[in-house]
Amino acid sequence: MYNKFLKELKPLIIISIITLASIAIGFDANFSIFFFIYSVTLFVLPISIKDSNLSLRMKLFIAVSVGIASVLAINYLIGRQRIFYLYIILFLMAISYSTASNLRSKRD
C-alpha cells in the first residue's frame, strides 16, 4: 500500500518543488500556476488513471478532484475565460487518452 501511494505522490511532489522553485527564482506567478496545473493534468492524472491497482471509484475521485481544483484555480486565481475553456478541452483529452490506453492494455 505504501509503495502504491508513494508512486502516485512522487510526480506530484516533484512538480510542486519545481513550481515553488520557479516562484522563488522570480518567474511570473501566473506562469508558475499554469505550469503546476497543466503538469498535474498531463503527468499525474494519467498515472493515476492507468494504475490497475486502484478501484474505479478512486480513479473517478482523483479525476474529478483534479478537474475541480484546476478549474477553480484557473477561474478564480487567473480569471481568463479563454484559458479556462482550453483547460477543459485539455482535461477531457487527458482523461480520454488515459482511459483508452488503460482499456487497450487490459485487452492485450
PDB file of N, CA and C in Angstrom:
ATOM      1  N   MET A   1       0.816  -1.193   0.000  1.00  0.00           N
ATOM      2  CA  MET A   1       0.000   0.000   0.000  1.00  0.00           C
ATOM      3  C   MET A   1       0.857   1.254   0.000  1.00  0.00           C
ATOM      4  N   TYR A   2       1.952   1.229   0.766  1.00  0.00           N
ATOM      5  CA  TYR A   2       2.819   2.397   0.853  1.00  0.00           C
ATOM      6  C   TYR A   2       3.477   2.694  -0.493  1.00  0.00           C
ATOM      7  N   ASN A   3       3.956   1.662  -1.185  1.00  0.00           N
ATOM      8  CA  ASN A   3       4.600   1.866  -2.481  1.00  0.00           C
ATOM      9  C   ASN A   3       3.632   2.411  -3.513  1.00  0.00           C
ATOM     10  N   LYS A   4       2.392   1.942  -3.485  1.00  0.00           N
ATOM     11  CA  LYS A   4       1.384   2.433  -4.418  1.00  0.00           C
ATOM     12  C   LYS A   4       1.090   3.902  -4.151  1.00  0.00           C
ATOM     13  N   PHE A   5       1.001   4.270  -2.884  1.00  0.00           N
ATOM     14  CA  PHE A   5       0.732   5.651  -2.518  1.00  0.00           C
ATOM     15  C   PHE A   5       1.909   6.550  -2.882  1.00  0.00           C
ATOM     16  N   LEU A   6       3.126   6.065  -2.661  1.00  0.00           N
ATOM     17  CA  LEU A   6       4.324   6.828  -2.979  1.00  0.00           C
ATOM     18  C   LEU A   6       4.495   6.974  -4.486  1.00  0.00           C
ATOM     19  N   LYS A   7       4.119   5.954  -5.234  1.00  0.00           N
ATOM     20  CA  LYS A   7       4.189   6.020  -6.690  1.00  0.00           C
ATOM     21  C   LYS A   7       3.289   7.119  -7.221  1.00  0.00           C
ATOM     22  N   GLU A   8       2.156   7.330  -6.598  1.00  0.00           N
ATOM     23  CA  GLU A   8       1.240   8.381  -7.024  1.00  0.00           C
ATOM     24  C   GLU A   8       1.728   9.764  -6.591  1.00  0.00           C
ATOM     25  N   LEU A   9       2.367   9.844  -5.436  1.00  0.00           N
ATOM     26  CA  LEU A   9       2.759  11.147  -4.899  1.00  0.00           C
ATOM     27  C   LEU A   9       4.089  11.669  -5.413  1.00  0.00           C
ATOM     28  N   LYS A  10       4.987  10.801  -5.832  1.00  0.00           N
ATOM     29  CA  LYS A  10       6.317  11.244  -6.235  1.00  0.00           C
ATOM     30  C   LYS A  10       6.275  12.276  -7.366  1.00  0.00           C
ATOM     31  N   PRO A  11       5.531  12.064  -8.474  1.00  0.00           N
ATOM     32  CA  PRO A  11       5.483  13.103  -9.510  1.00  0.00           C
ATOM     33  C   PRO A  11       4.841  14.397  -9.014  1.00  0.00           C
ATOM     34  N   LEU A  12       3.850  14.284  -8.150  1.00  0.00           N
ATOM     35  CA  LEU A  12       3.198  15.479  -7.616  1.00  0.00           C
ATOM     36  C   LEU A  12       4.157  16.292  -6.752  1.00  0.00           C
ATOM     37  N   ILE A  13       4.968  15.619  -5.956  1.00  0.00           N
ATOM     38  CA  ILE A  13       5.945  16.310  -5.115  1.00  0.00           C
ATOM     39  C   ILE A  13       7.007  16.986  -5.984  1.00  0.00           C
ATOM     40  N   ILE A  14       7.476  16.310  -7.013  1.00  0.00           N
ATOM     41  CA  ILE A  14       8.480  16.885  -7.899  1.00  0.00           C
ATOM     42  C   ILE A  14       7.935  18.115  -8.613  1.00  0.00           C
ATOM     43  N   ILE A  15       6.708  18.041  -9.117  1.00  0.00           N
ATOM     44  CA  ILE A  15       6.097  19.185  -9.796  1.00  0.00           C
ATOM     45  C   ILE A  15       5.896  20.337  -8.817  1.00  0.00           C
ATOM     46  N   SER A  16       5.516  20.044  -7.585  1.00  0.00           N
ATOM     47  CA  SER A  16       5.341  21.089  -6.582  1.00  0.00           C
ATOM     48  C   SER A  16       6.658  21.781  -6.261  1.00  0.00           C
ATOM     49  N   ILE A  17       7.740  21.024  -6.152  1.00  0.00           N
ATOM     50  CA  ILE A  17       9.052  21.618  -5.870  1.00  0.00           C
ATOM     51  C   ILE A  17       9.503  22.503  -7.032  1.00  0.00           C
ATOM     52  N   ILE A  18       9.294  22.039  -8.257  1.00  0.00           N
ATOM     53  CA  ILE A  18       9.657  22.854  -9.424  1.00  0.00           C
ATOM     54  C   ILE A  18       8.842  24.143  -9.452  1.00  0.00           C
ATOM     55  N   THR A  19       7.561  24.057  -9.148  1.00  0.00           N
ATOM     56  CA  THR A  19       6.711  25.245  -9.144  1.00  0.00           C
ATOM     57  C   THR A  19       7.145  26.227  -8.064  1.00  0.00           C
ATOM     58  N   LEU A  20       7.388  25.740  -6.865  1.00  0.00           N
ATOM     59  CA  LEU A  20       7.830  26.628  -5.781  1.00  0.00           C
ATOM     60  C   LEU A  20       9.197  27.239  -6.084  1.00  0.00           C
ATOM     61  N   ALA A  21      10.074  26.457  -6.694  1.00  0.00           N
ATOM     62  CA  ALA A  21      11.391  26.993  -7.055  1.00  0.00           C
ATOM     63  C   ALA A  21      11.270  28.074  -8.122  1.00  0.00           C
ATOM     64  N   SER A  22      10.375  27.891  -9.066  1.00  0.00           N
ATOM     65  CA  SER A  22      10.207  28.913 -10.107  1.00  0.00           C
ATOM     66  C   SER A  22       9.633  30.201  -9.531  1.00  0.00           C
ATOM     67  N   ILE A  23       8.760  30.084  -8.547  1.00  0.00           N
ATOM     68  CA  ILE A  23       8.242  31.293  -7.888  1.00  0.00           C
ATOM     69  C   ILE A  23       9.347  31.959  -7.085  1.00  0.00           C
ATOM     70  N   ALA A  24      10.167  31.164  -6.402  1.00  0.00           N
ATOM     71  CA  ALA A  24      11.258  31.718  -5.594  1.00  0.00           C
ATOM     72  C   ALA A  24      12.324  32.377  -6.463  1.00  0.00           C
ATOM     73  N   ILE A  25      12.574  31.815  -7.640  1.00  0.00           N
ATOM     74  CA  ILE A  25      13.570  32.407  -8.538  1.00  0.00           C
ATOM     75  C   ILE A  25      13.075  33.740  -9.091  1.00  0.00           C
ATOM     76  N   GLY A  26      11.787  33.866  -9.276  1.00  0.00           N
ATOM     77  CA  GLY A  26      11.246  35.133  -9.742  1.00  0.00           C
ATOM     78  C   GLY A  26      10.445  35.052 -11.015  1.00  0.00           C
ATOM     79  N   PHE A  27      10.061  33.836 -11.424  1.00  0.00           N
ATOM     80  CA  PHE A  27       9.177  33.732 -12.576  1.00  0.00           C
ATOM     81  C   PHE A  27       7.815  34.320 -12.228  1.00  0.00           C
ATOM     82  N   ASP A  28       7.064  34.596 -13.248  1.00  0.00           N
ATOM     83  CA  ASP A  28       5.720  35.131 -13.074  1.00  0.00           C
ATOM     84  C   ASP A  28       4.856  34.116 -12.327  1.00  0.00           C
ATOM     85  N   ALA A  29       4.050  34.584 -11.402  1.00  0.00           N
ATOM     86  CA  ALA A  29       3.210  33.678 -10.603  1.00  0.00           C
ATOM     87  C   ALA A  29       2.168  32.980 -11.475  1.00  0.00           C
ATOM     88  N   ASN A  30       1.606  33.697 -12.451  1.00  0.00           N
ATOM     89  CA  ASN A  30       0.625  33.067 -13.336  1.00  0.00           C
ATOM     90  C   ASN A  30       1.259  31.938 -14.137  1.00  0.00           C
ATOM     91  N   PHE A  31       2.476  32.157 -14.623  1.00  0.00           N
ATOM     92  CA  PHE A  31       3.183  31.104 -15.353  1.00  0.00           C
ATOM     93  C   PHE A  31       3.406  29.895 -14.458  1.00  0.00           C
ATOM     94  N   SER A  32       3.789  30.122 -13.220  1.00  0.00           N
ATOM     95  CA  SER A  32       4.037  29.017 -12.292  1.00  0.00           C
ATOM     96  C   SER A  32       2.759  28.253 -11.975  1.00  0.00           C
ATOM     97  N   ILE A  33       1.660  28.967 -11.809  1.00  0.00           N
ATOM     98  CA  ILE A  33       0.372  28.310 -11.547  1.00  0.00           C
ATOM     99  C   ILE A  33      -0.065  27.496 -12.756  1.00  0.00           C
ATOM    100  N   PHE A  34       0.079  28.071 -13.965  1.00  0.00           N
ATOM    101  CA  PHE A  34      -0.251  27.320 -15.176  1.00  0.00           C
ATOM    102  C   PHE A  34       0.614  26.077 -15.313  1.00  0.00           C
ATOM    103  N   PHE A  35       1.908  26.217 -15.027  1.00  0.00           N
ATOM    104  CA  PHE A  35       2.804  25.067 -15.106  1.00  0.00           C
ATOM    105  C   PHE A  35       2.344  23.964 -14.166  1.00  0.00           C
ATOM    106  N   PHE A  36       2.001  24.317 -12.951  1.00  0.00           N
ATOM    107  CA  PHE A  36       1.561  23.320 -11.982  1.00  0.00           C
ATOM    108  C   PHE A  36       0.271  22.643 -12.428  1.00  0.00           C
ATOM    109  N   ILE A  37      -0.693  23.422 -12.849  1.00  0.00           N
ATOM    110  CA  ILE A  37      -1.997  22.871 -13.237  1.00  0.00           C
ATOM    111  C   ILE A  37      -1.866  21.958 -14.448  1.00  0.00           C
ATOM    112  N   TYR A  38      -1.165  22.421 -15.475  1.00  0.00           N
ATOM    113  CA  TYR A  38      -1.027  21.604 -16.669  1.00  0.00           C
ATOM    114  C   TYR A  38      -0.166  20.371 -16.420  1.00  0.00           C
ATOM    115  N   SER A  39       0.848  20.490 -15.585  1.00  0.00           N
ATOM    116  CA  SER A  39       1.685  19.335 -15.270  1.00  0.00           C
ATOM    117  C   SER A  39       0.907  18.270 -14.514  1.00  0.00           C
ATOM    118  N   VAL A  40       0.091  18.698 -13.575  1.00  0.00           N
ATOM    119  CA  VAL A  40      -0.729  17.734 -12.841  1.00  0.00           C
ATOM    120  C   VAL A  40      -1.715  17.052 -13.785  1.00  0.00           C
ATOM    121  N   THR A  41      -2.289  17.834 -14.688  1.00  0.00           N
ATOM    122  CA  THR A  41      -3.249  17.259 -15.623  1.00  0.00           C
ATOM    123  C   THR A  41      -2.592  16.297 -16.600  1.00  0.00           C
ATOM    124  N   LEU A  42      -1.420  16.657 -17.113  1.00  0.00           N
ATOM    125  CA  LEU A  42      -0.806  15.847 -18.160  1.00  0.00           C
ATOM    126  C   LEU A  42       0.081  14.717 -17.649  1.00  0.00           C
ATOM    127  N   PHE A  43       0.597  14.820 -16.406  1.00  0.00           N
ATOM    128  CA  PHE A  43       1.506  13.787 -15.905  1.00  0.00           C
ATOM    129  C   PHE A  43       0.914  12.967 -14.767  1.00  0.00           C
ATOM    130  N   VAL A  44       0.387  13.611 -13.760  1.00  0.00           N
ATOM    131  CA  VAL A  44      -0.084  12.895 -12.575  1.00  0.00           C
ATOM    132  C   VAL A  44      -1.425  12.216 -12.829  1.00  0.00           C
ATOM    133  N   LEU A  45      -2.333  12.884 -13.483  1.00  0.00           N
ATOM    134  CA  LEU A  45      -3.653  12.309 -13.738  1.00  0.00           C
ATOM    135  C   LEU A  45      -3.593  11.040 -14.588  1.00  0.00           C
ATOM    136  N   PRO A  46      -2.842  11.010 -15.703  1.00  0.00           N
ATOM    137  CA  PRO A  46      -2.752   9.744 -16.447  1.00  0.00           C
ATOM    138  C   PRO A  46      -2.106   8.611 -15.658  1.00  0.00           C
ATOM    139  N   ILE A  47      -1.139   8.926 -14.811  1.00  0.00           N
ATOM    140  CA  ILE A  47      -0.528   7.886 -13.982  1.00  0.00           C
ATOM    141  C   ILE A  47      -1.582   7.276 -13.056  1.00  0.00           C
ATOM    142  N   SER A  48      -2.435   8.121 -12.499  1.00  0.00           N
ATOM    143  CA  SER A  48      -3.475   7.632 -11.587  1.00  0.00           C
ATOM    144  C   SER A  48      -4.521   6.803 -12.318  1.00  0.00           C
ATOM    145  N   ILE A  49      -4.903   7.238 -13.491  1.00  0.00           N
ATOM    146  CA  ILE A  49      -5.953   6.531 -14.217  1.00  0.00           C
ATOM    147  C   ILE A  49      -5.441   5.209 -14.787  1.00  0.00           C
ATOM    148  N   LYS A  50      -4.183   5.167 -15.202  1.00  0.00           N
ATOM    149  CA  LYS A  50      -3.624   3.940 -15.775  1.00  0.00           C
ATOM    150  C   LYS A  50      -3.289   2.889 -14.723  1.00  0.00           C
ATOM    151  N   ASP A  51      -3.235   3.266 -13.461  1.00  0.00           N
ATOM    152  CA  ASP A  51      -2.865   2.326 -12.404  1.00  0.00           C
ATOM    153  C   ASP A  51      -3.959   1.282 -12.247  1.00  0.00           C
ATOM    154  N   SER A  52      -3.615   0.032 -12.462  1.00  0.00           N
ATOM    155  CA  SER A  52      -4.618  -1.036 -12.395  1.00  0.00           C
ATOM    156  C   SER A  52      -4.935  -1.454 -10.964  1.00  0.00           C
ATOM    157  N   ASN A  53      -4.143  -1.007  -9.993  1.00  0.00           N
ATOM    158  CA  ASN A  53      -4.390  -1.375  -8.600  1.00  0.00           C
ATOM    159  C   ASN A  53      -5.456  -0.507  -7.936  1.00  0.00           C
ATOM    160  N   LEU A  54      -5.774   0.620  -8.532  1.00  0.00           N
ATOM    161  CA  LEU A  54      -6.791   1.494  -7.956  1.00  0.00           C
ATOM    162  C   LEU A  54      -8.176   1.076  -8.424  1.00  0.00           C
ATOM    163  N   SER A  55      -9.140   1.259  -7.566  1.00  0.00           N
ATOM    164  CA  SER A  55     -10.515   0.938  -7.934  1.00  0.00           C
ATOM    165  C   SER A  55     -11.077   2.039  -8.831  1.00  0.00           C
ATOM    166  N   LEU A  56     -12.154   1.731  -9.506  1.00  0.00           N
ATOM    167  CA  LEU A  56     -12.790   2.703 -10.389  1.00  0.00           C
ATOM    168  C   LEU A  56     -13.283   3.909  -9.595  1.00  0.00           C
ATOM    169  N   ARG A  57     -13.762   3.684  -8.410  1.00  0.00           N
ATOM    170  CA  ARG A  57     -14.243   4.766  -7.555  1.00  0.00           C
ATOM    171  C   ARG A  57     -13.106   5.741  -7.217  1.00  0.00           C
ATOM    172  N   MET A  58     -11.926   5.201  -6.910  1.00  0.00           N
ATOM    173  CA  MET A  58     -10.782   6.043  -6.588  1.00  0.00           C
ATOM    174  C   MET A  58     -10.290   6.800  -7.819  1.00  0.00           C
ATOM    175  N   LYS A  59     -10.287   6.144  -8.976  1.00  0.00           N
ATOM    176  CA  LYS A  59      -9.888   6.816 -10.211  1.00  0.00           C
ATOM    177  C   LYS A  59     -10.821   7.979 -10.531  1.00  0.00           C
ATOM    178  N   LEU A  60     -12.119   7.751 -10.383  1.00  0.00           N
ATOM    179  CA  LEU A  60     -13.079   8.826 -10.626  1.00  0.00           C
ATOM    180  C   LEU A  60     -12.918   9.961  -9.628  1.00  0.00           C
ATOM    181  N   PHE A  61     -12.666   9.622  -8.378  1.00  0.00           N
ATOM    182  CA  PHE A  61     -12.460  10.642  -7.361  1.00  0.00           C
ATOM    183  C   PHE A  61     -11.234  11.497  -7.682  1.00  0.00           C
ATOM    184  N   ILE A  62     -10.135  10.863  -8.096  1.00  0.00           N
ATOM    185  CA  ILE A  62      -8.924  11.605  -8.429  1.00  0.00           C
ATOM    186  C   ILE A  62      -9.169  12.501  -9.641  1.00  0.00           C
ATOM    187  N   ALA A  63      -9.816  11.970 -10.669  1.00  0.00           N
ATOM    188  CA  ALA A  63     -10.076  12.757 -11.876  1.00  0.00           C
ATOM    189  C   ALA A  63     -10.982  13.948 -11.580  1.00  0.00           C
ATOM    190  N   VAL A  64     -12.035  13.722 -10.833  1.00  0.00           N
ATOM    191  CA  VAL A  64     -12.963  14.807 -10.519  1.00  0.00           C
ATOM    192  C   VAL A  64     -12.311  15.847  -9.613  1.00  0.00           C
ATOM    193  N   SER A  65     -11.543  15.411  -8.626  1.00  0.00           N
ATOM    194  CA  SER A  65     -10.911  16.374  -7.722  1.00  0.00           C
ATOM    195  C   SER A  65      -9.840  17.196  -8.432  1.00  0.00           C
ATOM    196  N   VAL A  66      -9.056  16.573  -9.320  1.00  0.00           N
ATOM    197  CA  VAL A  66      -8.067  17.337 -10.092  1.00  0.00           C
ATOM    198  C   VAL A  66      -8.779  18.328 -11.012  1.00  0.00           C
ATOM    199  N   GLY A  67      -9.848  17.894 -11.654  1.00  0.00           N
ATOM    200  CA  GLY A  67     -10.599  18.783 -12.544  1.00  0.00           C
ATOM    201  C   GLY A  67     -11.210  19.960 -11.814  1.00  0.00           C
ATOM    202  N   ILE A  68     -11.843  19.712 -10.695  1.00  0.00           N
ATOM    203  CA  ILE A  68     -12.477  20.801  -9.938  1.00  0.00           C
ATOM    204  C   ILE A  68     -11.439  21.765  -9.378  1.00  0.00           C
ATOM    205  N   ALA A  69     -10.368  21.236  -8.813  1.00  0.00           N
ATOM    206  CA  ALA A  69      -9.328  22.107  -8.263  1.00  0.00           C
ATOM    207  C   ALA A  69      -8.672  22.947  -9.349  1.00  0.00           C
ATOM    208  N   SER A  70      -8.435  22.368 -10.501  1.00  0.00           N
ATOM    209  CA  SER A  70      -7.811  23.104 -11.597  1.00  0.00           C
ATOM    210  C   SER A  70      -8.733  24.169 -12.160  1.00  0.00           C
ATOM    211  N   VAL A  71      -9.987  23.826 -12.347  1.00  0.00           N
ATOM    212  CA  VAL A  71     -10.946  24.803 -12.861  1.00  0.00           C
ATOM    213  C   VAL A  71     -11.102  25.963 -11.886  1.00  0.00           C
ATOM    214  N   LEU A  72     -11.183  25.665 -10.597  1.00  0.00           N
ATOM    215  CA  LEU A  72     -11.286  26.743  -9.607  1.00  0.00           C
ATOM    216  C   LEU A  72     -10.036  27.609  -9.585  1.00  0.00           C
ATOM    217  N   ALA A  73      -8.874  26.990  -9.709  1.00  0.00           N
ATOM    218  CA  ALA A  73      -7.632  27.773  -9.717  1.00  0.00           C
ATOM    219  C   ALA A  73      -7.555  28.673 -10.937  1.00  0.00           C
ATOM    220  N   ILE A  74      -7.908  28.155 -12.093  1.00  0.00           N
ATOM    221  CA  ILE A  74      -7.858  28.981 -13.304  1.00  0.00           C
ATOM    222  C   ILE A  74      -8.915  30.067 -13.250  1.00  0.00           C
ATOM    223  N   ASN A  75     -10.105  29.721 -12.845  1.00  0.00           N
ATOM    224  CA  ASN A  75     -11.215  30.677 -12.870  1.00  0.00           C
ATOM    225  C   ASN A  75     -11.057  31.776 -11.827  1.00  0.00           C
ATOM    226  N   TYR A  76     -10.651  31.448 -10.619  1.00  0.00           N
ATOM    227  CA  TYR A  76     -10.619  32.438  -9.555  1.00  0.00           C
ATOM    228  C   TYR A  76      -9.265  33.107  -9.370  1.00  0.00           C
ATOM    229  N   LEU A  77      -8.170  32.368  -9.568  1.00  0.00           N
ATOM    230  CA  LEU A  77      -6.865  32.993  -9.397  1.00  0.00           C
ATOM    231  C   LEU A  77      -6.456  33.803 -10.615  1.00  0.00           C
ATOM    232  N   ILE A  78      -6.771  33.326 -11.796  1.00  0.00           N
ATOM    233  CA  ILE A  78      -6.329  33.996 -13.009  1.00  0.00           C
ATOM    234  C   ILE A  78      -7.493  34.692 -13.697  1.00  0.00           C
ATOM    235  N   GLY A  79      -8.609  34.006 -13.824  1.00  0.00           N
ATOM    236  CA  GLY A  79      -9.828  34.618 -14.324  1.00  0.00           C
ATOM    237  C   GLY A  79      -9.877  34.877 -15.813  1.00  0.00           C
ATOM    238  N   ARG A  80      -9.161  34.120 -16.591  1.00  0.00           N
ATOM    239  CA  ARG A  80      -9.203  34.295 -18.044  1.00  0.00           C
ATOM    240  C   ARG A  80     -10.089  33.212 -18.634  1.00  0.00           C
ATOM    241  N   GLN A  81     -11.127  33.628 -19.330  1.00  0.00           N
ATOM    242  CA  GLN A  81     -12.105  32.673 -19.846  1.00  0.00           C
ATOM    243  C   GLN A  81     -11.527  31.805 -20.957  1.00  0.00           C
ATOM    244  N   ARG A  82     -10.687  32.369 -21.814  1.00  0.00           N
ATOM    245  CA  ARG A  82     -10.119  31.597 -22.912  1.00  0.00           C
ATOM    246  C   ARG A  82      -9.264  30.449 -22.379  1.00  0.00           C
ATOM    247  N   ILE A  83      -8.445  30.726 -21.385  1.00  0.00           N
ATOM    248  CA  ILE A  83      -7.601  29.693 -20.791  1.00  0.00           C
ATOM    249  C   ILE A  83      -8.463  28.654 -20.087  1.00  0.00           C
ATOM    250  N   PHE A  84      -9.557  29.096 -19.495  1.00  0.00           N
ATOM    251  CA  PHE A  84     -10.488  28.181 -18.822  1.00  0.00           C
ATOM    252  C   PHE A  84     -11.037  27.161 -19.813  1.00  0.00           C
ATOM    253  N   TYR A  85     -11.482  27.612 -20.970  1.00  0.00           N
ATOM    254  CA  TYR A  85     -12.045  26.700 -21.961  1.00  0.00           C
ATOM    255  C   TYR A  85     -10.968  25.792 -22.564  1.00  0.00           C
ATOM    256  N   LEU A  86      -9.784  26.323 -22.784  1.00  0.00           N
ATOM    257  CA  LEU A  86      -8.693  25.490 -23.281  1.00  0.00           C
ATOM    258  C   LEU A  86      -8.321  24.402 -22.276  1.00  0.00           C
ATOM    259  N   TYR A  87      -8.363  24.757 -20.993  1.00  0.00           N
ATOM    260  CA  TYR A  87      -8.053  23.745 -19.984  1.00  0.00           C
ATOM    261  C   TYR A  87      -9.106  22.647 -19.955  1.00  0.00           C
ATOM    262  N   ILE A  88     -10.357  23.000 -20.075  1.00  0.00           N
ATOM    263  CA  ILE A  88     -11.426  21.993 -20.086  1.00  0.00           C
ATOM    264  C   ILE A  88     -11.192  21.007 -21.240  1.00  0.00           C
ATOM    265  N   ILE A  89     -10.826  21.514 -22.411  1.00  0.00           N
ATOM    266  CA  ILE A  89     -10.543  20.636 -23.551  1.00  0.00           C
ATOM    267  C   ILE A  89      -9.336  19.760 -23.258  1.00  0.00           C
ATOM    268  N   LEU A  90      -8.277  20.339 -22.705  1.00  0.00           N
ATOM    269  CA  LEU A  90      -7.080  19.572 -22.359  1.00  0.00           C
ATOM    270  C   LEU A  90      -7.381  18.503 -21.320  1.00  0.00           C
ATOM    271  N   PHE A  91      -8.181  18.839 -20.321  1.00  0.00           N
ATOM    272  CA  PHE A  91      -8.550  17.882 -19.276  1.00  0.00           C
ATOM    273  C   PHE A  91      -9.311  16.710 -19.864  1.00  0.00           C
ATOM    274  N   LEU A  92     -10.279  16.987 -20.714  1.00  0.00           N
ATOM    275  CA  LEU A  92     -11.056  15.911 -21.332  1.00  0.00           C
ATOM    276  C   LEU A  92     -10.194  15.048 -22.251  1.00  0.00           C
ATOM    277  N   MET A  93      -9.234  15.675 -22.946  1.00  0.00           N
ATOM    278  CA  MET A  93      -8.324  14.904 -23.793  1.00  0.00           C
ATOM    279  C   MET A  93      -7.433  14.001 -22.948  1.00  0.00           C
ATOM    280  N   ALA A  94      -6.938  14.492 -21.816  1.00  0.00           N
ATOM    281  CA  ALA A  94      -6.088  13.672 -20.942  1.00  0.00           C
ATOM    282  C   ALA A  94      -6.874  12.500 -20.370  1.00  0.00           C
ATOM    283  N   ILE A  95      -8.116  12.746 -19.967  1.00  0.00           N
ATOM    284  CA  ILE A  95      -8.968  11.672 -19.439  1.00  0.00           C
ATOM    285  C   ILE A  95      -9.245  10.630 -20.521  1.00  0.00           C
ATOM    286  N   SER A  96      -9.599  11.070 -21.720  1.00  0.00           N
ATOM    287  CA  SER A  96      -9.920  10.115 -22.773  1.00  0.00           C
ATOM    288  C   SER A  96      -8.696   9.326 -23.216  1.00  0.00           C
ATOM    289  N   TYR A  97      -7.533   9.974 -23.300  1.00  0.00           N
ATOM    290  CA  TYR A  97      -6.307   9.262 -23.662  1.00  0.00           C
ATOM    291  C   TYR A  97      -5.959   8.217 -22.603  1.00  0.00           C
ATOM    292  N   SER A  98      -6.033   8.586 -21.339  1.00  0.00           N
ATOM    293  CA  SER A  98      -5.686   7.661 -20.267  1.00  0.00           C
ATOM    294  C   SER A  98      -6.650   6.483 -20.224  1.00  0.00           C
ATOM    295  N   THR A  99      -7.921   6.765 -20.405  1.00  0.00           N
ATOM    296  CA  THR A  99      -8.920   5.705 -20.393  1.00  0.00           C
ATOM    297  C   THR A  99      -8.725   4.760 -21.579  1.00  0.00           C
ATOM    298  N   ALA A 100      -8.483   5.324 -22.757  1.00  0.00           N
ATOM    299  CA  ALA A 100      -8.296   4.483 -23.942  1.00  0.00           C
ATOM    300  C   ALA A 100      -7.044   3.624 -23.817  1.00  0.00           C
ATOM    301  N   SER A 101      -5.962   4.196 -23.334  1.00  0.00           N
ATOM    302  CA  SER A 101      -4.740   3.392 -23.190  1.00  0.00           C
ATOM    303  C   SER A 101      -4.889   2.345 -22.099  1.00  0.00           C
ATOM    304  N   ASN A 102      -5.664   2.657 -21.056  1.00  0.00           N
ATOM    305  CA  ASN A 102      -5.912   1.682 -19.993  1.00  0.00           C
ATOM    306  C   ASN A 102      -6.757   0.517 -20.537  1.00  0.00           C
ATOM    307  N   LEU A 103      -7.781   0.821 -21.310  1.00  0.00           N
ATOM    308  CA  LEU A 103      -8.621  -0.239 -21.881  1.00  0.00           C
ATOM    309  C   LEU A 103      -7.835  -1.056 -22.899  1.00  0.00           C
ATOM    310  N   ARG A 104      -6.964  -0.429 -23.660  1.00  0.00           N
ATOM    311  CA  ARG A 104      -6.168  -1.131 -24.658  1.00  0.00           C
ATOM    312  C   ARG A 104      -5.188  -2.088 -23.968  1.00  0.00           C
ATOM    313  N   SER A 105      -4.593  -1.641 -22.857  1.00  0.00           N
ATOM    314  CA  SER A 105      -3.641  -2.514 -22.167  1.00  0.00           C
ATOM    315  C   SER A 105      -4.344  -3.686 -21.483  1.00  0.00           C
ATOM    316  N   LYS A 106      -5.586  -3.496 -21.063  1.00  0.00           N
ATOM    317  CA  LYS A 106      -6.344  -4.606 -20.474  1.00  0.00           C
ATOM    318  C   LYS A 106      -6.736  -5.622 -21.529  1.00  0.00           C
ATOM    319  N   ARG A 107      -6.990  -5.168 -22.743  1.00  0.00           N
ATOM    320  CA  ARG A 107      -7.401  -6.042 -23.817  1.00  0.00           C
ATOM    321  C   ARG A 107      -6.257  -6.903 -24.315  1.00  0.00           C
ATOM    322  N   ASP A 108      -5.037  -6.366 -24.289  1.00  0.00           N
ATOM    323  CA  ASP A 108      -3.874  -7.123 -24.793  1.00  0.00           C
ATOM    324  C   ASP A 108      -3.409  -8.172 -23.857  1.00  0.00           C
TER     325      ASP A 108
END
